[in-house]
Amino acid sequence: MNHFITIADHSKETIQHILDVGLKLRAERERGKRNQPVLDGQTLAMIFEKPSLRTRVSFEQAMFELGGQSIVLDQSQVGLGKRESVADVTRVLCGMVQGIAARVFEHEKLEQMARHGDKPVINMLSDYTHPCQALADVMTMIDAFAPDTHDLTGRTLAFVGDGNNVVRSLAAICGRLGMNFVVASPGGYELEQAYVDRIMADSPNMNFDMTRDAKQAVRDADAIYTDTFVSMGQEAEKQTRLRAFEDYRLTESLLAEAPDHAIVLHCLPAYRGVEITDEVIDGPRSRVFPQAHNRLHAQKGLLAVLMGGQ
């Protein structure tokens, strides 16, 4: 395992191992025991082209708790692909630090970094995928449904909303872990067929369904997931998107269509009253804030494996 750019790059065994390590480190922390400093003397350079709360805090804190440190760089300091080429930035950083993590607009920048760097490169978010979020999402489902076995085989995750970068990573991780995945999106906003074909080629036995009926999507769900209808960079489309997604809001009425045990997920930030109501995100079936906290533990598992040899 050299880089972590997309979920689809890695085997079921690797993904499961990252999760298991993260859960082990979390259990130690909850017992008041300090984690072993497996990243002692190591530095992670973090490049941010997009604003961040959960990603920045979870990675910085993860490095600290594992004995390492981080350097945070924003686009004004780096000028990734503008002030300097992606290749040159990568080569410079690889001579000074032990790992690079980047939150970028264009996924291609991460692929260039992986090609030109000899140190691990981590995707903290791109326009194409959000793999670190997917790790925290399934960790949250493990907490709800498989705390002893860590096995989510046969569980169903339903996503209601835009076929975006989060959906791509969720589809990939569901395929890897033997989960069912169903996505409900309005016409014109579905996950592209080329990506669906790739996932099905990688996981031919996966039960992967796409529909325009939100009620149908949640009917057999163990977890119901939503995300913003207007991502960064899509502000000019806001009004058009809000009209298109009017029937895809996660409300108590939609939640009532799901099994009683179904939990609610959202990767945040949430636009309350738009894609999800206060009653749902703050309700008894919501796991949204434990899900956010699991970003720390999933990141620790990833860093411990990728940079710490665990």
Protein backbone atom coordinates (compact mmCIF):
# COMPACT_ATOMS: atom_id res chain seq x y z
CA MET A 1 0.00 0.00 0.00
CA ASN A 2 1.83 3.08 -1.28
CA HIS A 3 -0.93 5.71 -1.57
CA PHE A 4 -4.57 6.20 -0.63
CA ILE A 5 -6.21 7.94 -3.59
CA THR A 6 -9.42 5.93 -4.06
CA ILE A 7 -11.12 3.05 -2.27
CA ALA A 8 -11.24 1.12 -5.54
CA ASP A 9 -7.42 0.92 -5.57
CA HIS A 10 -7.38 -1.36 -2.53
CA SER A 11 -8.52 -4.86 -1.65
CA LYS A 12 -11.18 -5.87 0.85
CA GLU A 13 -8.42 -7.12 3.15
CA THR A 14 -6.60 -3.79 3.11
CA ILE A 15 -9.76 -1.76 3.77
CA GLN A 16 -10.83 -4.11 6.56
CA HIS A 17 -7.35 -3.95 8.11
CA ILE A 18 -7.40 -0.14 8.15
CA LEU A 19 -10.79 -0.22 9.88
CA ASP A 20 -9.69 -2.83 12.39
CA VAL A 21 -6.56 -0.84 13.28
CA GLY A 22 -8.61 2.35 13.64
CA LEU A 23 -11.12 0.63 15.91
CA LYS A 24 -8.30 -0.81 18.02
CA LEU A 25 -6.68 2.60 18.40
CA ARG A 26 -10.05 4.12 19.30
CA ALA A 27 -10.64 1.47 21.98
CA GLU A 28 -7.25 2.26 23.53
CA ARG A 29 -8.07 5.96 23.56
CA GLU A 30 -11.47 5.35 25.17
CA ARG A 31 -9.76 3.36 27.96
CA GLY A 32 -7.53 6.35 28.64
CA LYS A 33 -4.49 4.59 27.19
CA ARG A 34 -2.16 6.51 24.92
CA ASN A 35 -1.63 5.01 21.48
CA GLN A 36 1.83 3.77 20.62
CA PRO A 37 3.81 6.54 18.86
CA VAL A 38 4.12 4.60 15.61
CA LEU A 39 4.62 7.86 13.68
CA ASP A 40 7.34 9.23 15.96
CA GLY A 41 9.63 11.50 13.98
CA GLN A 42 7.32 11.60 10.96
CA THR A 43 5.66 14.65 9.42
CA LEU A 44 2.59 14.83 7.19
CA ALA A 45 2.36 17.84 4.84
CA MET A 46 -1.30 18.76 4.32
CA ILE A 47 -2.34 20.87 1.30
CA PHE A 48 -5.76 22.53 1.32
CA GLU A 49 -7.30 24.00 -1.82
CA LYS A 50 -10.76 23.72 -0.21
CA PRO A 51 -11.94 24.78 3.27
CA SER A 52 -12.02 22.08 5.91
CA LEU A 53 -13.12 21.43 9.49
CA ARG A 54 -13.39 17.68 10.09
CA THR A 55 -10.64 16.73 7.66
CA ARG A 56 -8.05 19.15 8.98
CA VAL A 57 -8.75 18.56 12.67
CA SER A 58 -8.94 14.77 12.33
CA PHE A 59 -5.66 14.48 10.41
CA GLU A 60 -3.77 16.91 12.64
CA GLN A 61 -5.04 15.24 15.79
CA ALA A 62 -4.39 11.78 14.36
CA MET A 63 -0.76 12.65 13.65
CA PHE A 64 -0.38 14.10 17.16
CA GLU A 65 -1.91 11.08 18.90
CA LEU A 66 0.32 8.71 16.91
CA GLY A 67 3.46 10.62 17.83
CA GLY A 68 3.96 12.52 14.59
CA GLN A 69 3.34 16.08 13.48
CA SER A 70 1.73 17.90 10.57
CA ILE A 71 2.37 20.99 8.50
CA VAL A 72 -0.72 22.71 7.08
CA LEU A 73 -0.41 24.53 3.74
CA ASP A 74 -3.16 26.41 1.95
CA GLN A 75 -3.35 27.20 -1.74
CA SER A 76 -2.08 30.75 -1.26
CA GLN A 77 1.17 29.32 0.10
CA VAL A 78 1.62 26.49 -2.39
CA GLY A 79 -0.13 27.52 -5.61
CA LEU A 80 -0.45 23.87 -6.58
CA GLY A 81 -0.33 23.71 -10.37
CA LYS A 82 -0.17 27.51 -10.63
CA ARG A 83 2.80 28.99 -8.79
CA GLU A 84 4.58 25.66 -9.19
CA SER A 85 3.76 22.50 -11.05
CA VAL A 86 2.20 19.63 -9.13
CA ALA A 87 5.24 17.50 -9.93
CA ASP A 88 7.70 20.07 -8.57
CA VAL A 89 5.72 20.64 -5.37
CA THR A 90 5.55 16.91 -4.81
CA ARG A 91 9.28 16.36 -5.37
CA VAL A 92 10.16 19.16 -2.96
CA LEU A 93 7.87 17.88 -0.21
CA CYS A 94 9.04 14.28 -0.60
CA GLY A 95 12.57 15.40 0.26
CA MET A 96 11.42 16.93 3.54
CA VAL A 97 8.42 15.03 4.94
CA GLN A 98 7.27 11.43 5.21
CA GLY A 99 3.77 11.81 3.75
CA ILE A 100 1.54 14.18 1.76
CA ALA A 101 -2.21 14.66 2.09
CA ALA A 102 -4.14 16.95 -0.23
CA ARG A 103 -7.69 18.31 -0.44
CA VAL A 104 -8.08 19.45 -4.02
CA PHE A 105 -10.57 20.52 -6.66
CA GLU A 106 -9.17 18.36 -9.48
CA HIS A 107 -8.60 14.66 -8.83
CA GLU A 108 -5.88 14.61 -11.47
CA LYS A 109 -3.61 16.57 -9.12
CA LEU A 110 -3.61 13.67 -6.67
CA GLU A 111 -2.80 11.22 -9.43
CA GLN A 112 0.11 13.42 -10.53
CA MET A 113 1.39 13.57 -6.96
CA ALA A 114 1.25 9.79 -6.68
CA ARG A 115 3.16 9.45 -9.97
CA HIS A 116 5.91 11.91 -9.05
CA GLY A 117 6.28 11.26 -5.33
CA ASP A 118 8.14 8.54 -3.48
CA LYS A 119 6.25 9.12 -0.23
CA PRO A 120 2.62 8.18 0.56
CA VAL A 121 -0.04 10.46 -0.92
CA ILE A 122 -3.48 10.63 0.71
CA ASN A 123 -6.68 11.96 -0.86
CA MET A 124 -8.36 14.19 1.73
CA LEU A 125 -11.08 15.01 -0.84
CA SER A 126 -11.26 15.64 -4.57
CA ASP A 127 -14.03 16.39 -7.03
CA TYR A 128 -14.02 12.67 -7.92
CA THR A 129 -13.80 10.73 -4.64
CA HIS A 130 -13.72 11.13 -0.84
CA PRO A 131 -12.21 7.86 0.42
CA CYS A 132 -11.35 8.96 3.96
CA GLN A 133 -14.98 9.91 4.54
CA ALA A 134 -16.10 6.46 3.38
CA LEU A 135 -13.84 4.81 5.97
CA ALA A 136 -15.50 6.79 8.75
CA ASP A 137 -18.95 6.04 7.33
CA VAL A 138 -18.57 2.27 7.40
CA MET A 139 -16.86 2.49 10.80
CA THR A 140 -20.06 4.14 12.04
CA MET A 141 -22.12 1.31 10.56
CA ILE A 142 -19.83 -1.20 12.26
CA ASP A 143 -20.56 0.53 15.57
CA ALA A 144 -24.30 0.19 14.95
CA PHE A 145 -24.52 -3.29 13.48
CA ALA A 146 -21.29 -5.28 13.92
CA PRO A 147 -19.30 -4.07 16.94
CA ASP A 148 -17.94 -7.56 17.66
CA THR A 149 -17.33 -8.97 14.18
CA HIS A 150 -16.69 -5.79 12.16
CA ASP A 151 -18.48 -7.62 9.34
CA LEU A 152 -21.05 -5.63 7.33
CA THR A 153 -21.69 -8.29 4.71
CA GLY A 154 -25.30 -8.11 3.50
CA ARG A 155 -26.07 -4.76 5.16
CA THR A 156 -27.73 -2.13 2.97
CA LEU A 157 -26.64 1.49 2.66
CA ALA A 158 -29.06 3.84 0.89
CA PHE A 159 -27.91 7.23 -0.37
CA VAL A 160 -30.48 9.88 -1.25
CA GLY A 161 -29.17 12.84 -3.20
CA ASP A 162 -26.56 13.86 -5.74
CA GLY A 163 -24.32 11.28 -7.45
CA ASN A 164 -21.19 13.01 -6.21
CA ASN A 165 -17.68 12.22 -4.93
CA VAL A 166 -19.02 10.83 -1.65
CA VAL A 167 -21.30 8.43 -3.53
CA ARG A 168 -18.42 7.15 -5.65
CA SER A 169 -16.42 6.25 -2.56
CA LEU A 170 -19.43 4.72 -0.83
CA ALA A 171 -20.18 2.56 -3.85
CA ALA A 172 -16.60 1.33 -3.92
CA ILE A 173 -16.40 0.54 -0.22
CA CYS A 174 -19.78 -1.23 -0.23
CA GLY A 175 -18.54 -3.39 -3.08
CA ARG A 176 -15.33 -4.20 -1.25
CA LEU A 177 -17.08 -5.12 2.02
CA GLY A 178 -19.94 -7.16 0.56
CA MET A 179 -22.64 -4.57 1.30
CA ASN A 180 -25.70 -3.65 -0.74
CA PHE A 181 -25.82 -0.10 -2.09
CA VAL A 182 -28.77 1.82 -3.48
CA VAL A 183 -28.74 5.43 -4.70
CA ALA A 184 -31.78 7.62 -5.32
CA SER A 185 -31.16 10.72 -7.45
CA PRO A 186 -33.27 12.91 -9.74
CA GLY A 187 -32.80 12.63 -13.48
CA GLY A 188 -29.61 14.27 -14.68
CA TYR A 189 -27.87 13.98 -11.30
CA GLU A 190 -27.28 10.22 -11.16
CA LEU A 191 -23.91 8.56 -10.70
CA GLU A 192 -22.38 8.22 -14.15
CA GLN A 193 -22.71 4.83 -15.82
CA ALA A 194 -18.98 4.53 -16.51
CA TYR A 195 -18.26 4.56 -12.78
CA VAL A 196 -21.07 2.10 -12.06
CA ASP A 197 -19.57 -0.22 -14.67
CA ARG A 198 -16.15 0.06 -13.03
CA ILE A 199 -17.52 -0.79 -9.60
CA MET A 200 -19.48 -3.74 -10.94
CA ALA A 201 -16.41 -5.01 -12.79
CA ASP A 202 -14.45 -4.85 -9.52
CA SER A 203 -17.28 -6.35 -7.42
CA PRO A 204 -19.45 -8.41 -9.82
CA ASN A 205 -21.50 -9.96 -7.02
CA MET A 206 -22.46 -6.62 -5.51
CA ASN A 207 -26.13 -5.67 -5.22
CA PHE A 208 -26.01 -2.11 -6.60
CA ASP A 209 -29.27 -0.36 -7.48
CA MET A 210 -30.02 3.12 -8.81
CA THR A 211 -33.48 4.65 -8.72
CA ARG A 212 -35.30 7.98 -8.88
CA ASP A 213 -37.67 6.92 -6.09
CA ALA A 214 -36.35 7.97 -2.66
CA LYS A 215 -38.98 5.97 -0.80
CA GLN A 216 -38.06 2.83 -2.68
CA ALA A 217 -34.37 3.42 -1.96
CA VAL A 218 -34.76 3.51 1.83
CA ARG A 219 -37.28 0.66 2.14
CA ASP A 220 -34.72 -2.01 3.10
CA ALA A 221 -31.95 0.25 4.34
CA ASP A 222 -29.85 -0.29 7.43
CA ALA A 223 -28.40 3.19 7.02
CA ILE A 224 -29.72 6.20 5.10
CA TYR A 225 -27.17 8.75 3.95
CA THR A 226 -27.52 12.21 2.47
CA ASP A 227 -25.18 15.06 1.60
CA THR A 228 -25.42 18.64 0.40
CA PHE A 229 -27.28 19.17 -2.85
CA VAL A 230 -24.90 22.02 -3.80
CA SER A 231 -21.22 21.18 -3.44
CA MET A 232 -18.31 23.63 -3.49
CA GLY A 233 -17.92 24.96 -7.02
CA GLN A 234 -21.61 24.46 -7.87
CA GLU A 235 -22.95 27.68 -6.36
CA ALA A 236 -24.10 29.02 -9.75
CA GLU A 237 -26.40 25.98 -10.07
CA LYS A 238 -27.91 26.39 -6.60
CA GLN A 239 -31.50 27.30 -7.46
CA THR A 240 -31.74 24.75 -10.26
CA ARG A 241 -30.38 22.04 -8.00
CA LEU A 242 -32.67 22.88 -5.09
CA ARG A 243 -35.71 22.56 -7.35
CA ALA A 244 -34.47 19.25 -8.76
CA PHE A 245 -33.83 17.76 -5.30
CA GLU A 246 -37.03 18.96 -3.59
CA ASP A 247 -38.39 15.40 -3.28
CA TYR A 248 -35.09 13.99 -2.02
CA ARG A 249 -34.91 15.78 1.33
CA LEU A 250 -34.32 13.49 4.30
CA THR A 251 -37.37 14.24 6.42
CA GLU A 252 -39.21 12.34 9.11
CA SER A 253 -41.72 11.31 6.46
CA LEU A 254 -39.01 9.71 4.31
CA LEU A 255 -37.35 8.14 7.35
CA ALA A 256 -40.68 6.53 8.25
CA GLU A 257 -40.44 4.52 5.01
CA ALA A 258 -37.29 2.79 6.27
CA PRO A 259 -36.99 -0.10 8.77
CA ASP A 260 -37.21 0.95 12.41
CA HIS A 261 -33.56 0.08 13.03
CA ALA A 262 -32.20 2.23 10.19
CA ILE A 263 -29.70 4.90 11.19
CA VAL A 264 -29.09 8.30 9.57
CA LEU A 265 -25.73 9.48 8.22
CA HIS A 266 -24.50 12.79 6.78
CA CYS A 267 -20.88 13.71 6.08
CA LEU A 268 -21.37 17.41 7.05
CA PRO A 269 -21.51 20.32 6.72
CA ALA A 270 -25.30 20.01 6.70
CA TYR A 271 -27.61 22.63 5.29
CA ARG A 272 -30.41 22.11 7.75
CA GLY A 273 -33.85 22.31 6.25
CA VAL A 274 -32.46 21.76 2.75
CA GLU A 275 -31.20 18.18 2.34
CA ILE A 276 -32.02 17.14 5.93
CA THR A 277 -34.37 18.49 8.60
CA ASP A 278 -33.47 19.37 12.18
CA GLU A 279 -35.81 16.65 13.46
CA VAL A 280 -33.85 13.98 11.57
CA ILE A 281 -30.28 15.14 12.10
CA ASP A 282 -30.91 15.73 15.81
CA GLY A 283 -33.25 12.76 16.22
CA PRO A 284 -32.69 9.41 17.97
CA ARG A 285 -31.75 7.59 14.77
CA SER A 286 -29.06 10.05 13.76
CA ARG A 287 -25.42 8.97 14.01
CA VAL A 288 -24.16 12.09 12.25
CA PHE A 289 -21.94 13.41 15.04
CA PRO A 290 -20.43 10.03 16.05
CA GLN A 291 -19.82 9.64 12.30
CA ALA A 292 -17.93 12.95 12.30
CA HIS A 293 -15.91 11.86 15.35
CA ASN A 294 -15.03 8.62 13.56
CA ARG A 295 -13.12 10.68 11.00
CA LEU A 296 -10.37 10.89 13.64
CA HIS A 297 -10.30 7.15 14.28
CA ALA A 298 -10.50 6.18 10.62
CA GLN A 299 -7.68 8.61 9.83
CA LYS A 300 -5.58 7.12 12.63
CA GLY A 301 -6.09 3.64 11.24
CA LEU A 302 -5.12 4.83 7.76
CA LEU A 303 -2.01 6.69 8.91
CA ALA A 304 -0.90 3.86 11.19
CA VAL A 305 -1.08 1.42 8.28
CA LEU A 306 0.18 3.66 5.48
CA MET A 307 3.01 5.44 7.32
CA GLY A 308 3.43 3.40 10.50
CA GLY A 309 3.65 -0.12 9.11
CA GLN A 310 0.84 -1.47 11.27
